[in-house]
Amino acid sequence: MALLAIPSFFKIFAFFAFFLVSVFASEWIEYSSNGFATLTHYSLPLDYIASCGCTADSTHYPTAALSQMAYGSSTAYGPACGRCFNLTLLNTFLSVPPFYPPEQKSIVVKVTDLCPLSTAGWCNATTNGPNAAGHYLNFDLAYPSTSISSDFFPSNSSYYGYTDFGVWNISYESVACSGWEGWNDAAALGSVTGQGPASVCCAADPTNSSNTCTSYSDHNGIA
């Protein structure tokens, strides 16, 4: 009899889990076109096709993952896919004291990936609360990258004893992708023919809900 009860248990558990995530999934973070966020960095192999399905050529230019509840999906294409943002370094968050670079640096990135929601970490912000730095958005920069200078992140190693601060407070601004370094590369934008279903990059400049990623659907992922 126990063997017969197992499928029923899993059906009940699956229904309950689906109910919980369905409720939670409606709470995607709505953010303004400009504001403040945190910036981290992660390793993304060259020519890798990330969550947005953007062509491999996109990795030859500055790209970033966006924290999941702002990205808008948990598995694949979110409404943030393909959007471009100008990110400006302000100061470090974890160092004591905070490091303020003598010159602010900025970079325009294209969102091609999601930074998964977790119970801790920098991509854990939900509508119920921000991350540890007090921000609802985190951009995870694909870095090191062949498209970004190795000295993009400023430091003061003689004072702090290290060069990688890990987490930065930044300002962000949603910008037209015509300002992205890969704008004139048709392959990086996914607009070349013959890419096949394995690469379905979002619209070249998805600045509003009418031209978000053509493969985006609310059914493609819940938190």
Protein backbone atom coordinates (compact mmCIF):
# COMPACT_ATOMS: atom_id res chain seq x y z
CA MET A 1 0.00 0.00 0.00
CA ALA A 2 2.87 2.37 0.72
CA LEU A 3 4.01 2.14 -2.86
CA LEU A 4 0.58 3.19 -4.05
CA ALA A 5 0.58 6.17 -1.70
CA ILE A 6 3.85 7.65 -2.98
CA PRO A 7 2.48 9.00 -6.29
CA SER A 8 -0.41 10.70 -4.45
CA PHE A 9 2.02 12.30 -2.01
CA PHE A 10 4.13 13.67 -4.84
CA LYS A 11 1.05 14.99 -6.64
CA ILE A 12 -0.01 16.86 -3.50
CA PHE A 13 3.51 18.16 -2.93
CA ALA A 14 3.85 19.25 -6.56
CA PHE A 15 0.51 21.07 -6.44
CA PHE A 16 1.44 22.84 -3.20
CA ALA A 17 4.86 23.82 -4.58
CA PHE A 18 3.28 25.10 -7.80
CA PHE A 19 0.78 27.14 -5.76
CA LEU A 20 3.55 28.77 -3.73
CA VAL A 21 5.76 29.67 -6.68
CA SER A 22 2.77 30.87 -8.68
CA VAL A 23 1.93 33.35 -5.93
CA PHE A 24 5.56 34.40 -5.56
CA ALA A 25 6.09 34.67 -9.32
CA SER A 26 3.57 37.47 -9.58
CA GLU A 27 5.91 39.65 -7.55
CA TRP A 28 8.47 40.48 -10.20
CA ILE A 29 10.39 43.61 -9.33
CA GLU A 30 9.37 46.64 -11.34
CA TYR A 31 12.24 49.08 -11.55
CA SER A 32 12.69 52.58 -12.88
CA SER A 33 14.76 53.38 -15.95
CA ASN A 34 17.54 54.69 -13.72
CA GLY A 35 18.60 54.23 -10.14
CA PHE A 36 21.09 52.44 -7.93
CA ALA A 37 22.12 48.80 -7.78
CA THR A 38 24.99 46.50 -6.87
CA LEU A 39 27.51 45.15 -9.35
CA THR A 40 29.30 41.82 -9.04
CA HIS A 41 31.12 39.78 -11.67
CA TYR A 42 31.09 36.17 -12.83
CA SER A 43 32.87 33.96 -15.33
CA LEU A 44 31.11 33.48 -18.66
CA PRO A 45 33.06 31.48 -21.26
CA LEU A 46 33.63 33.12 -24.61
CA ASP A 47 31.00 32.03 -27.17
CA TYR A 48 28.69 30.71 -24.44
CA ILE A 49 24.94 30.91 -25.03
CA ALA A 50 23.40 32.05 -21.73
CA SER A 51 19.79 32.18 -20.48
CA CYS A 52 18.58 34.72 -23.03
CA GLY A 53 19.66 32.46 -25.89
CA CYS A 54 21.64 35.31 -27.41
CA THR A 55 24.11 34.32 -30.09
CA ALA A 56 27.57 33.26 -29.02
CA ASP A 57 29.01 36.39 -30.63
CA SER A 58 27.36 38.54 -27.96
CA THR A 59 30.03 37.37 -25.49
CA HIS A 60 32.64 39.28 -27.48
CA TYR A 61 31.12 42.48 -26.07
CA PRO A 62 30.16 43.66 -22.56
CA THR A 63 27.26 41.61 -21.18
CA ALA A 64 25.73 41.04 -17.78
CA ALA A 65 23.24 38.89 -15.91
CA LEU A 66 20.41 40.63 -14.05
CA SER A 67 19.03 39.49 -10.69
CA GLN A 68 16.19 37.06 -11.25
CA MET A 69 13.20 38.95 -9.85
CA ALA A 70 14.08 41.97 -12.00
CA TYR A 71 15.02 39.75 -14.97
CA GLY A 72 11.49 38.36 -14.89
CA SER A 73 11.93 34.60 -15.29
CA SER A 74 13.46 31.63 -13.52
CA THR A 75 14.47 29.40 -16.41
CA ALA A 76 15.02 31.15 -19.69
CA TYR A 77 13.91 34.26 -21.55
CA GLY A 78 12.85 37.17 -19.36
CA PRO A 79 11.54 40.59 -20.39
CA ALA A 80 14.94 42.06 -19.49
CA CYS A 81 16.67 40.00 -22.18
CA GLY A 82 18.56 42.17 -24.63
CA ARG A 83 18.06 45.42 -22.74
CA CYS A 84 21.06 47.71 -22.43
CA PHE A 85 22.18 49.64 -19.37
CA ASN A 86 24.89 52.14 -18.63
CA LEU A 87 26.53 51.14 -15.35
CA THR A 88 28.69 53.57 -13.36
CA LEU A 89 30.94 52.53 -10.49
CA LEU A 90 30.33 54.58 -7.33
CA ASN A 91 32.06 52.91 -4.39
CA THR A 92 32.85 49.51 -2.92
CA PHE A 93 30.44 47.91 -0.47
CA LEU A 94 32.38 45.29 1.45
CA SER A 95 35.70 47.05 2.04
CA VAL A 96 36.41 48.99 5.22
CA PRO A 97 36.48 51.86 4.65
CA PRO A 98 34.57 52.01 1.33
CA PHE A 99 36.79 52.80 -1.64
CA TYR A 100 35.76 55.76 -3.77
CA PRO A 101 37.67 55.73 -7.06
CA PRO A 102 39.22 59.06 -8.03
CA GLU A 103 37.53 58.78 -11.42
CA GLN A 104 34.12 57.22 -12.04
CA LYS A 105 34.08 54.54 -14.72
CA SER A 106 31.07 53.52 -16.78
CA ILE A 107 30.23 50.71 -19.17
CA VAL A 108 27.25 49.90 -21.39
CA VAL A 109 26.18 46.26 -21.07
CA LYS A 110 23.56 44.09 -22.71
CA VAL A 111 21.57 41.72 -20.50
CA THR A 112 22.01 38.18 -21.81
CA ASP A 113 21.68 36.09 -18.65
CA LEU A 114 19.91 35.81 -15.30
CA CYS A 115 21.47 35.78 -11.87
CA PRO A 116 19.47 33.15 -9.92
CA LEU A 117 17.41 34.01 -6.89
CA SER A 118 18.78 32.57 -3.65
CA THR A 119 18.25 32.91 0.07
CA ALA A 120 21.51 34.83 0.36
CA GLY A 121 23.91 36.51 -2.02
CA TRP A 122 23.57 39.60 -4.13
CA CYS A 123 20.74 38.46 -6.42
CA ASN A 124 18.32 37.64 -3.62
CA ALA A 125 16.24 40.82 -3.68
CA THR A 126 12.47 40.42 -3.95
CA THR A 127 9.58 42.84 -3.59
CA ASN A 128 9.70 41.91 0.10
CA GLY A 129 13.18 43.31 0.58
CA PRO A 130 16.49 44.37 -1.00
CA ASN A 131 19.87 42.62 -0.96
CA ALA A 132 22.46 43.18 1.76
CA ALA A 133 23.53 46.47 0.17
CA GLY A 134 19.98 47.80 0.19
CA HIS A 135 19.39 47.46 -3.56
CA TYR A 136 16.67 45.63 -5.50
CA LEU A 137 18.79 45.10 -8.62
CA ASN A 138 22.12 43.38 -9.04
CA PHE A 139 24.05 43.32 -12.30
CA ASP A 140 26.50 40.42 -12.58
CA LEU A 141 29.09 41.53 -15.11
CA ALA A 142 30.67 38.90 -17.36
CA TYR A 143 34.27 39.60 -16.39
CA PRO A 144 37.10 39.05 -17.20
CA SER A 145 36.13 39.60 -20.81
CA THR A 146 38.01 40.24 -24.03
CA SER A 147 35.82 43.33 -24.46
CA ILE A 148 36.55 44.92 -21.09
CA SER A 149 39.87 46.39 -20.05
CA SER A 150 41.67 44.38 -17.37
CA ASP A 151 41.88 47.55 -15.26
CA PHE A 152 38.19 48.40 -15.53
CA PHE A 153 37.73 47.94 -11.78
CA PRO A 154 39.86 50.54 -9.97
CA SER A 155 41.64 49.58 -6.77
CA ASN A 156 44.15 50.67 -4.18
CA SER A 157 46.08 47.50 -3.44
CA SER A 158 48.74 49.28 -1.39
CA TYR A 159 46.07 50.34 1.13
CA TYR A 160 43.67 47.41 1.08
CA GLY A 161 46.08 44.60 0.23
CA TYR A 162 43.92 43.23 -2.58
CA THR A 163 42.59 44.38 -5.92
CA ASP A 164 39.20 42.66 -6.36
CA PHE A 165 36.60 44.32 -4.14
CA GLY A 166 33.90 41.90 -5.30
CA VAL A 167 30.84 44.10 -4.81
CA TRP A 168 30.30 47.67 -5.95
CA ASN A 169 27.54 50.18 -5.43
CA ILE A 170 26.65 51.56 -8.85
CA SER A 171 24.20 53.78 -10.63
CA TYR A 172 22.40 52.37 -13.63
CA GLU A 173 20.52 53.90 -16.54
CA SER A 174 18.50 52.12 -19.20
CA VAL A 175 19.91 53.23 -22.56
CA ALA A 176 19.38 52.55 -26.24
CA CYS A 177 21.43 49.58 -27.38
CA SER A 178 22.86 51.70 -30.17
CA GLY A 179 25.36 52.73 -27.50
CA TRP A 180 26.42 49.13 -26.86
CA GLU A 181 29.80 48.16 -28.29
CA GLY A 182 28.31 45.24 -30.24
CA TRP A 183 25.58 47.31 -31.93
CA ASN A 184 27.18 47.21 -35.37
CA ASP A 185 27.88 43.48 -35.23
CA ALA A 186 24.88 41.71 -36.76
CA ALA A 187 25.96 38.36 -35.36
CA ALA A 188 26.21 39.73 -31.82
CA LEU A 189 22.67 41.07 -32.11
CA GLY A 190 21.40 37.75 -33.41
CA SER A 191 20.18 39.26 -36.64
CA VAL A 192 22.15 37.03 -39.00
CA THR A 193 20.30 34.27 -40.82
CA GLY A 194 20.77 30.58 -40.25
CA GLN A 195 21.27 30.73 -36.49
CA GLY A 196 18.69 28.01 -35.89
CA PRO A 197 16.63 27.40 -32.75
CA ALA A 198 19.71 27.15 -30.51
CA SER A 199 20.20 30.90 -30.66
CA VAL A 200 17.17 33.13 -30.45
CA CYS A 201 18.57 36.45 -29.30
CA CYS A 202 16.06 39.04 -28.20
CA ALA A 203 15.19 42.13 -30.14
CA ALA A 204 18.21 44.30 -30.88
CA ASP A 205 16.88 47.12 -28.71
CA PRO A 206 13.98 45.92 -26.51
CA THR A 207 13.16 49.19 -24.80
CA ASN A 208 9.49 48.54 -24.06
CA SER A 209 6.95 45.75 -23.59
CA SER A 210 5.97 45.72 -27.27
CA ASN A 211 9.39 44.56 -28.46
CA THR A 212 10.70 42.35 -25.66
CA CYS A 213 12.39 39.08 -26.48
CA THR A 214 10.21 37.32 -29.05
CA SER A 215 10.64 34.04 -27.15
CA TYR A 216 9.61 35.54 -23.82
CA SER A 217 6.50 34.18 -22.13
CA ASP A 218 5.24 34.22 -18.58
CA HIS A 219 5.07 30.45 -18.90
CA ASN A 220 8.79 30.14 -19.51
CA GLY A 221 9.69 30.56 -15.89
CA ILE A 222 8.45 31.26 -12.41
CA ALA A 223 10.51 32.17 -9.39
